[in-house]
Amino acid sequence: MDENFNQKDQLALHEFSVRYRLAYAKQHPILQQNLDTVTQAVRDQYEQEMDAKRSPSVEPPEPTQEREPEEPEP
């Protein structure tokens, strides 16, 4: 059997995956409340990041200097 799918097999697999996702979505609908919760969480995170970029009052931490590894004593 050829390990590479030919174009006909790829199309059949794609069509199956589309039908499978539609059937799954029908069996397991996503509640609007869940979407609203996620949307609000993403919005809050985005606003926090934008506020942090806008306010220069918070200075970034100083970069640490790299040290040479200490040699063990004999």
N, C-alpha and C. Protein backbone atom coordinates (compact mmCIF):
# COMPACT_ATOMS: atom_id res chain seq x y z
N MET A 1 0.84 -1.17 0.00
CA MET A 1 0.00 0.00 0.00
C MET A 1 0.89 1.24 0.00
N ASP A 2 0.52 2.21 -0.78
CA ASP A 2 1.29 3.45 -0.88
C ASP A 2 1.11 4.25 0.40
N GLU A 3 2.21 4.68 1.03
CA GLU A 3 2.11 5.42 2.28
C GLU A 3 1.62 6.85 2.07
N ASN A 4 1.80 7.38 0.90
CA ASN A 4 1.32 8.72 0.60
C ASN A 4 -0.11 8.62 0.08
N PHE A 5 -0.97 9.45 0.66
CA PHE A 5 -2.34 9.47 0.19
C PHE A 5 -2.38 10.12 -1.18
N ASN A 6 -3.20 9.56 -2.05
CA ASN A 6 -3.39 10.25 -3.31
C ASN A 6 -4.47 11.32 -3.12
N GLN A 7 -4.71 12.09 -4.14
CA GLN A 7 -5.61 13.24 -4.01
C GLN A 7 -7.04 12.81 -3.66
N LYS A 8 -7.48 11.69 -4.20
CA LYS A 8 -8.84 11.20 -3.92
C LYS A 8 -8.98 10.82 -2.44
N ASP A 9 -7.97 10.16 -1.91
CA ASP A 9 -8.00 9.76 -0.50
C ASP A 9 -7.96 10.99 0.42
N GLN A 10 -7.16 11.99 0.06
CA GLN A 10 -7.09 13.21 0.86
C GLN A 10 -8.43 13.93 0.89
N LEU A 11 -9.11 13.98 -0.25
CA LEU A 11 -10.42 14.63 -0.32
C LEU A 11 -11.43 13.87 0.53
N ALA A 12 -11.42 12.55 0.47
CA ALA A 12 -12.34 11.74 1.25
C ALA A 12 -12.09 11.94 2.74
N LEU A 13 -10.84 12.00 3.13
CA LEU A 13 -10.50 12.21 4.54
C LEU A 13 -10.94 13.59 5.00
N HIS A 14 -10.75 14.59 4.16
CA HIS A 14 -11.17 15.95 4.51
C HIS A 14 -12.70 16.01 4.67
N GLU A 15 -13.43 15.42 3.74
CA GLU A 15 -14.89 15.41 3.83
C GLU A 15 -15.36 14.71 5.11
N PHE A 16 -14.71 13.60 5.45
CA PHE A 16 -15.05 12.90 6.68
C PHE A 16 -14.81 13.78 7.90
N SER A 17 -13.68 14.48 7.91
CA SER A 17 -13.36 15.31 9.07
C SER A 17 -14.37 16.45 9.22
N VAL A 18 -14.84 17.00 8.11
CA VAL A 18 -15.85 18.06 8.17
C VAL A 18 -17.15 17.51 8.75
N ARG A 19 -17.57 16.35 8.26
CA ARG A 19 -18.81 15.74 8.77
C ARG A 19 -18.67 15.39 10.25
N TYR A 20 -17.50 14.89 10.64
CA TYR A 20 -17.27 14.51 12.03
C TYR A 20 -17.36 15.72 12.94
N ARG A 21 -16.71 16.83 12.55
CA ARG A 21 -16.74 18.04 13.38
C ARG A 21 -18.15 18.59 13.50
N LEU A 22 -18.93 18.55 12.43
CA LEU A 22 -20.31 19.03 12.49
C LEU A 22 -21.15 18.16 13.43
N ALA A 23 -20.98 16.85 13.34
CA ALA A 23 -21.73 15.95 14.21
C ALA A 23 -21.33 16.15 15.67
N TYR A 24 -20.04 16.33 15.92
CA TYR A 24 -19.57 16.55 17.28
C TYR A 24 -20.15 17.85 17.84
N ALA A 25 -20.14 18.89 17.03
CA ALA A 25 -20.67 20.18 17.48
C ALA A 25 -22.16 20.08 17.78
N LYS A 26 -22.85 19.27 17.02
CA LYS A 26 -24.29 19.09 17.26
C LYS A 26 -24.53 18.32 18.56
N GLN A 27 -23.70 17.33 18.84
CA GLN A 27 -23.83 16.53 20.06
C GLN A 27 -23.36 17.28 21.30
N HIS A 28 -22.36 18.15 21.14
CA HIS A 28 -21.75 18.86 22.26
C HIS A 28 -21.73 20.36 21.97
N PRO A 29 -22.87 21.00 22.08
CA PRO A 29 -22.89 22.44 21.76
C PRO A 29 -22.14 23.26 22.81
N ILE A 30 -21.58 24.36 22.36
CA ILE A 30 -20.88 25.26 23.25
C ILE A 30 -21.89 26.28 23.76
N LEU A 31 -22.00 26.40 25.06
CA LEU A 31 -22.95 27.32 25.64
C LEU A 31 -22.47 28.75 25.48
N GLN A 32 -23.39 29.66 25.21
CA GLN A 32 -23.04 31.07 25.04
C GLN A 32 -22.40 31.61 26.32
N GLN A 33 -22.84 31.12 27.47
CA GLN A 33 -22.28 31.57 28.75
C GLN A 33 -20.78 31.25 28.81
N ASN A 34 -20.40 30.07 28.32
CA ASN A 34 -18.98 29.69 28.32
C ASN A 34 -18.19 30.61 27.40
N LEU A 35 -18.75 30.91 26.23
CA LEU A 35 -18.07 31.81 25.31
C LEU A 35 -17.92 33.20 25.91
N ASP A 36 -18.97 33.68 26.58
CA ASP A 36 -18.91 35.00 27.20
C ASP A 36 -17.84 35.06 28.29
N THR A 37 -17.72 33.98 29.06
CA THR A 37 -16.72 33.92 30.12
C THR A 37 -15.31 34.00 29.54
N VAL A 38 -15.07 33.24 28.48
CA VAL A 38 -13.76 33.24 27.85
C VAL A 38 -13.48 34.60 27.22
N THR A 39 -14.47 35.16 26.54
CA THR A 39 -14.31 36.46 25.91
C THR A 39 -13.96 37.53 26.93
N GLN A 40 -14.62 37.51 28.06
CA GLN A 40 -14.36 38.49 29.10
C GLN A 40 -12.95 38.32 29.68
N ALA A 41 -12.54 37.09 29.89
CA ALA A 41 -11.20 36.83 30.43
C ALA A 41 -10.12 37.32 29.46
N VAL A 42 -10.32 37.07 28.17
CA VAL A 42 -9.35 37.53 27.18
C VAL A 42 -9.34 39.05 27.11
N ARG A 43 -10.52 39.66 27.18
CA ARG A 43 -10.60 41.13 27.14
C ARG A 43 -9.87 41.73 28.35
N ASP A 44 -10.10 41.16 29.54
CA ASP A 44 -9.44 41.66 30.76
C ASP A 44 -7.92 41.56 30.64
N GLN A 45 -7.43 40.42 30.16
CA GLN A 45 -6.00 40.22 30.00
C GLN A 45 -5.43 41.22 29.00
N TYR A 46 -6.13 41.43 27.90
CA TYR A 46 -5.67 42.38 26.88
C TYR A 46 -5.60 43.79 27.46
N GLU A 47 -6.62 44.18 28.21
CA GLU A 47 -6.64 45.51 28.80
C GLU A 47 -5.51 45.69 29.81
N GLN A 48 -5.21 44.66 30.59
CA GLN A 48 -4.10 44.73 31.54
C GLN A 48 -2.78 44.92 30.80
N GLU A 49 -2.60 44.19 29.70
CA GLU A 49 -1.36 44.32 28.94
C GLU A 49 -1.25 45.70 28.31
N MET A 50 -2.34 46.23 27.80
CA MET A 50 -2.32 47.56 27.19
C MET A 50 -2.06 48.63 28.24
N ASP A 51 -2.65 48.49 29.42
CA ASP A 51 -2.41 49.45 30.50
C ASP A 51 -0.95 49.43 30.93
N ALA A 52 -0.37 48.23 30.97
CA ALA A 52 1.04 48.11 31.36
C ALA A 52 1.94 48.77 30.32
N LYS A 53 1.59 48.68 29.06
CA LYS A 53 2.39 49.31 28.01
C LYS A 53 2.24 50.82 28.04
N ARG A 54 1.05 51.30 28.37
CA ARG A 54 0.79 52.74 28.36
C ARG A 54 1.42 53.45 29.55
N SER A 55 1.45 52.82 30.72
CA SER A 55 1.94 53.49 31.92
C SER A 55 3.43 53.20 32.09
N PRO A 56 4.27 54.22 31.92
CA PRO A 56 5.71 54.01 32.08
C PRO A 56 6.15 54.03 33.54
N SER A 57 5.20 54.09 34.47
CA SER A 57 5.55 54.16 35.88
C SER A 57 6.21 52.87 36.37
N VAL A 58 5.91 51.78 35.72
CA VAL A 58 6.52 50.52 36.11
C VAL A 58 7.74 50.30 35.22
N GLU A 59 8.92 50.34 35.83
CA GLU A 59 10.14 50.16 35.07
C GLU A 59 10.48 48.69 34.98
N PRO A 60 11.00 48.26 33.85
CA PRO A 60 11.39 46.86 33.73
C PRO A 60 12.56 46.56 34.66
N PRO A 61 12.69 45.37 35.13
CA PRO A 61 13.80 45.03 36.03
C PRO A 61 15.13 45.15 35.31
N GLU A 62 16.16 45.46 36.09
CA GLU A 62 17.50 45.57 35.54
C GLU A 62 17.96 44.19 35.07
N PRO A 63 18.65 44.14 33.93
CA PRO A 63 19.16 42.83 33.49
C PRO A 63 20.27 42.37 34.42
N THR A 64 20.30 41.11 34.69
CA THR A 64 21.34 40.56 35.57
C THR A 64 22.61 40.35 34.78
N GLN A 65 23.72 40.58 35.45
CA GLN A 65 25.01 40.39 34.78
C GLN A 65 25.36 38.92 34.85
N GLU A 66 25.86 38.43 33.72
CA GLU A 66 26.26 37.03 33.69
C GLU A 66 27.62 36.88 34.35
N ARG A 67 27.72 35.85 35.17
CA ARG A 67 28.98 35.60 35.87
C ARG A 67 29.65 34.37 35.28
N GLU A 68 30.96 34.38 35.38
CA GLU A 68 31.72 33.21 34.98
C GLU A 68 31.53 32.14 36.05
N PRO A 69 31.41 30.89 35.67
CA PRO A 69 31.28 29.83 36.68
C PRO A 69 32.54 29.77 37.55
N GLU A 70 32.33 29.61 38.83
CA GLU A 70 33.46 29.53 39.75
C GLU A 70 34.10 28.16 39.66
N GLU A 71 35.42 28.17 39.75
CA GLU A 71 36.12 26.90 39.68
C GLU A 71 36.12 26.27 41.07
N PRO A 72 35.91 24.97 41.13
CA PRO A 72 35.92 24.31 42.45
C PRO A 72 37.34 24.27 43.02
N GLU A 73 37.41 24.35 44.35
CA GLU A 73 38.70 24.30 45.00
C GLU A 73 39.22 22.87 44.99
N PRO A 74 40.54 22.71 44.74
CA PRO A 74 41.10 21.33 44.67
C PRO A 74 41.18 20.66 46.01
